C-alpha atoms as a PDB file:
ATOM      1  CA  MET A   1      -0.440  39.817  56.561  1.00  0.00           C
ATOM      2  CA  ARG A   2       0.611  41.475  53.006  1.00  0.00           C
ATOM      3  CA  LYS A   3       3.600  41.942  51.327  1.00  0.00           C
ATOM      4  CA  PHE A   4       4.520  45.095  49.721  1.00  0.00           C
ATOM      5  CA  ASN A   5       7.342  46.438  48.088  1.00  0.00           C
ATOM      6  CA  VAL A   6       8.692  49.779  49.038  1.00  0.00           C
ATOM      7  CA  THR A   7      11.325  52.274  47.835  1.00  0.00           C
ATOM      8  CA  VAL A   8      13.221  54.223  50.055  1.00  0.00           C
ATOM      9  CA  ASN A   9      16.181  56.641  48.785  1.00  0.00           C
ATOM     10  CA  GLY A  10      16.746  54.339  45.806  1.00  0.00           C
ATOM     11  CA  LYS A  11      16.628  51.238  47.481  1.00  0.00           C
ATOM     12  CA  SER A  12      13.979  48.769  47.221  1.00  0.00           C
ATOM     13  CA  TYR A  13      12.604  46.552  50.440  1.00  0.00           C
ATOM     14  CA  VAL A  14      10.440  43.996  50.758  1.00  0.00           C
ATOM     15  CA  VAL A  15       7.958  44.649  53.851  1.00  0.00           C
ATOM     16  CA  ASP A  16       5.109  42.648  55.573  1.00  0.00           C
ATOM     17  CA  VAL A  17       2.444  44.938  56.769  1.00  0.00           C
ATOM     18  CA  GLU A  18      -0.333  43.984  58.786  1.00  0.00           C
ATOM     19  CA  GLU A  19      -3.909  45.544  59.607  1.00  0.00           C
ATOM     20  CA  VAL A  20      -4.286  46.191  63.440  1.00  0.00           C
ATOM     21  CA  GLY A  21      -7.250  47.937  65.543  1.00  0.00           C
ATOM     22  CA  SER A  22     -10.774  47.204  66.265  1.00  0.00           C
ATOM     23  CA  ASP A  23     -12.237  50.938  65.546  1.00  0.00           C
ATOM     24  CA  GLY A  24     -12.187  50.327  61.876  1.00  0.00           C
ATOM     25  CA  GLN A  25      -9.065  52.631  61.738  1.00  0.00           C
ATOM     26  CA  VAL A  26      -5.600  50.562  59.836  1.00  0.00           C
ATOM     27  CA  THR A  27      -2.547  50.930  61.747  1.00  0.00           C
ATOM     28  CA  PRO A  28       0.316  49.351  59.733  1.00  0.00           C
ATOM     29  CA  VAL A  29       3.004  48.002  61.313  1.00  0.00           C
ATOM     30  CA  ILE A  30       6.079  47.362  59.148  1.00  0.00           C
ATOM     31  CA  SER A  31       8.484  45.155  59.738  1.00  0.00           C
ATOM     32  CA  THR A  32      11.675  44.921  57.083  1.00  0.00           C
ATOM     33  CA  VAL A  33      12.003  41.022  55.861  1.00  0.00           C
ATOM     34  CA  ALA A  34      14.905  41.351  53.249  1.00  0.00           C
ATOM     35  CA  ALA A  35      16.470  44.347  51.334  1.00  0.00           C
ATOM     36  CA  ALA A  36      16.009  43.516  47.412  1.00  0.00           C
ATOM     37  CA  PRO A  37      19.238  43.632  45.635  1.00  0.00           C
ATOM     38  CA  ALA A  38      20.688  46.918  44.231  1.00  0.00           C
ATOM     39  CA  PRO A  39      19.852  47.693  40.602  1.00  0.00           C
ATOM     40  CA  VAL A  40      23.260  47.089  38.286  1.00  0.00           C
ATOM     41  CA  ALA A  41      23.543  48.872  35.093  1.00  0.00           C
ATOM     42  CA  LYS A  42      23.988  45.796  32.491  1.00  0.00           C
ATOM     43  CA  PRO A  43      26.501  45.816  29.814  1.00  0.00           C
ATOM     44  CA  VAL A  44      25.164  46.140  26.317  1.00  0.00           C
ATOM     45  CA  ALA A  45      26.643  44.721  23.342  1.00  0.00           C
ATOM     46  CA  GLY A  46      28.509  47.583  22.096  1.00  0.00           C
ATOM     47  CA  ASP A  47      30.994  48.552  19.314  1.00  0.00           C
ATOM     48  CA  GLY A  48      34.330  49.784  20.205  1.00  0.00           C
ATOM     49  CA  THR A  49      36.636  49.665  23.568  1.00  0.00           C
ATOM     50  CA  PRO A  50      34.740  49.313  26.732  1.00  0.00           C
ATOM     51  CA  VAL A  51      35.367  51.891  29.637  1.00  0.00           C
ATOM     52  CA  LYS A  52      34.854  49.654  32.884  1.00  0.00           C
ATOM     53  CA  ALA A  53      34.490  49.746  36.673  1.00  0.00           C
ATOM     54  CA  PRO A  54      37.611  49.133  38.307  1.00  0.00           C
ATOM     55  CA  MET A  55      35.278  48.607  41.652  1.00  0.00           C
ATOM     56  CA  PRO A  56      31.942  48.527  42.815  1.00  0.00           C
ATOM     57  CA  GLY A  57      30.268  51.830  43.376  1.00  0.00           C
ATOM     58  CA  LEU A  58      27.548  54.757  42.382  1.00  0.00           C
ATOM     59  CA  ILE A  59      27.616  56.939  39.465  1.00  0.00           C
ATOM     60  CA  LEU A  60      27.856  60.419  40.679  1.00  0.00           C
ATOM     61  CA  GLY A  61      28.294  61.872  37.007  1.00  0.00           C
ATOM     62  CA  LEU A  62      28.921  61.350  33.386  1.00  0.00           C
ATOM     63  CA  ALA A  63      31.525  63.819  32.099  1.00  0.00           C
ATOM     64  CA  HIS A  64      30.300  64.244  28.345  1.00  0.00           C
ATOM     65  CA  LYS A  65      27.235  63.463  26.553  1.00  0.00           C
ATOM     66  CA  ASP A  66      26.926  60.493  24.376  1.00  0.00           C
ATOM     67  CA  GLY A  67      28.406  61.303  20.949  1.00  0.00           C
ATOM     68  CA  ASP A  68      31.044  63.741  22.310  1.00  0.00           C
ATOM     69  CA  VAL A  69      34.477  63.481  21.263  1.00  0.00           C
ATOM     70  CA  VAL A  70      37.032  62.498  24.001  1.00  0.00           C
ATOM     71  CA  LYS A  71      41.148  61.801  24.375  1.00  0.00           C
ATOM     72  CA  LYS A  72      42.791  59.311  26.123  1.00  0.00           C
ATOM     73  CA  ASN A  73      43.066  59.698  29.766  1.00  0.00           C
ATOM     74  CA  GLU A  74      40.225  62.308  29.865  1.00  0.00           C
ATOM     75  CA  LYS A  75      37.543  62.158  32.646  1.00  0.00           C
ATOM     76  CA  VAL A  76      34.482  60.438  31.246  1.00  0.00           C
ATOM     77  CA  VAL A  77      32.756  59.095  34.499  1.00  0.00           C
ATOM     78  CA  VAL A  78      33.017  59.522  38.202  1.00  0.00           C
ATOM     79  CA  LEU A  79      32.324  56.888  40.329  1.00  0.00           C
ATOM     80  CA  GLU A  80      31.632  56.819  44.005  1.00  0.00           C
ATOM     81  CA  ALA A  81      33.267  53.848  45.923  1.00  0.00           C
ATOM     82  CA  MET A  82      34.012  53.765  49.726  1.00  0.00           C
ATOM     83  CA  LYS A  83      32.684  57.099  50.104  1.00  0.00           C
ATOM     84  CA  MET A  84      35.413  58.555  47.220  1.00  0.00           C
ATOM     85  CA  GLU A  85      34.951  59.937  44.214  1.00  0.00           C
ATOM     86  CA  ASN A  86      36.683  58.192  41.243  1.00  0.00           C
ATOM     87  CA  ASP A  87      37.530  59.504  37.984  1.00  0.00           C
ATOM     88  CA  ILE A  88      37.218  57.298  35.128  1.00  0.00           C
ATOM     89  CA  ASN A  89      39.092  58.329  32.399  1.00  0.00           C
ATOM     90  CA  ALA A  90      39.134  56.968  28.560  1.00  0.00           C
ATOM     91  CA  PRO A  91      41.093  54.059  27.615  1.00  0.00           C
ATOM     92  CA  ALA A  92      41.580  55.911  24.420  1.00  0.00           C
ATOM     93  CA  ASP A  93      40.539  58.641  21.829  1.00  0.00           C
ATOM     94  CA  GLY A  94      37.162  58.367  20.323  1.00  0.00           C
ATOM     95  CA  THR A  95      33.219  59.181  20.312  1.00  0.00           C
ATOM     96  CA  ILE A  96      31.885  57.994  23.574  1.00  0.00           C
ATOM     97  CA  THR A  97      28.500  55.839  23.874  1.00  0.00           C
ATOM     98  CA  TYR A  98      27.677  55.493  27.600  1.00  0.00           C
ATOM     99  CA  VAL A  99      25.727  52.735  28.807  1.00  0.00           C
ATOM    100  CA  VAL A 100      25.349  53.728  32.245  1.00  0.00           C
ATOM    101  CA  LYS A 101      23.469  56.663  33.807  1.00  0.00           C
ATOM    102  CA  LYS A 102      23.667  58.824  36.842  1.00  0.00           C
ATOM    103  CA  GLY A 103      22.630  57.143  40.080  1.00  0.00           C
ATOM    104  CA  ASP A 104      23.255  53.742  38.846  1.00  0.00           C
ATOM    105  CA  ASN A 105      25.001  51.300  40.892  1.00  0.00           C
ATOM    106  CA  VAL A 106      27.652  49.220  39.282  1.00  0.00           C
ATOM    107  CA  ASP A 107      29.740  46.423  40.269  1.00  0.00           C
ATOM    108  CA  THR A 108      33.503  45.610  39.354  1.00  0.00           C
ATOM    109  CA  GLY A 109      34.113  45.020  35.634  1.00  0.00           C
ATOM    110  CA  ALA A 110      30.761  46.685  34.828  1.00  0.00           C
ATOM    111  CA  VAL A 111      30.654  48.302  31.237  1.00  0.00           C
ATOM    112  CA  LEU A 112      30.362  52.156  31.720  1.00  0.00           C
ATOM    113  CA  ALA A 113      30.890  53.291  28.305  1.00  0.00           C
ATOM    114  CA  TYR A 114      32.370  52.542  24.665  1.00  0.00           C
ATOM    115  CA  ILE A 115      34.939  54.650  22.942  1.00  0.00           C
ATOM    116  CA  LYS A 116      34.595  54.071  19.181  1.00  0.00           C
END
């Protein structure tokens, strides 16, 4: 048996693969051992007001580009949680700098962006 990391639809799994067969043909038999934890966006040291995730979820989209000027209560991130799309709004006026990107998984309280 040999262990391999396999990624399917963005999720990583550790699998055992065994070679079987006497005719020289390799026929893999795969059994899932354990799912690796989903990647989580990590906060970085930043300057300004943080925009935080109110719940764990998947980043579906960013409403602006880095350096754009945003107004308080303007949508800045779309977060999917419990199969619902949630708009995350700016807590203040200023220039946005994103910490996350589309497709990131985040935990509750993770910093999504800074507004300076």
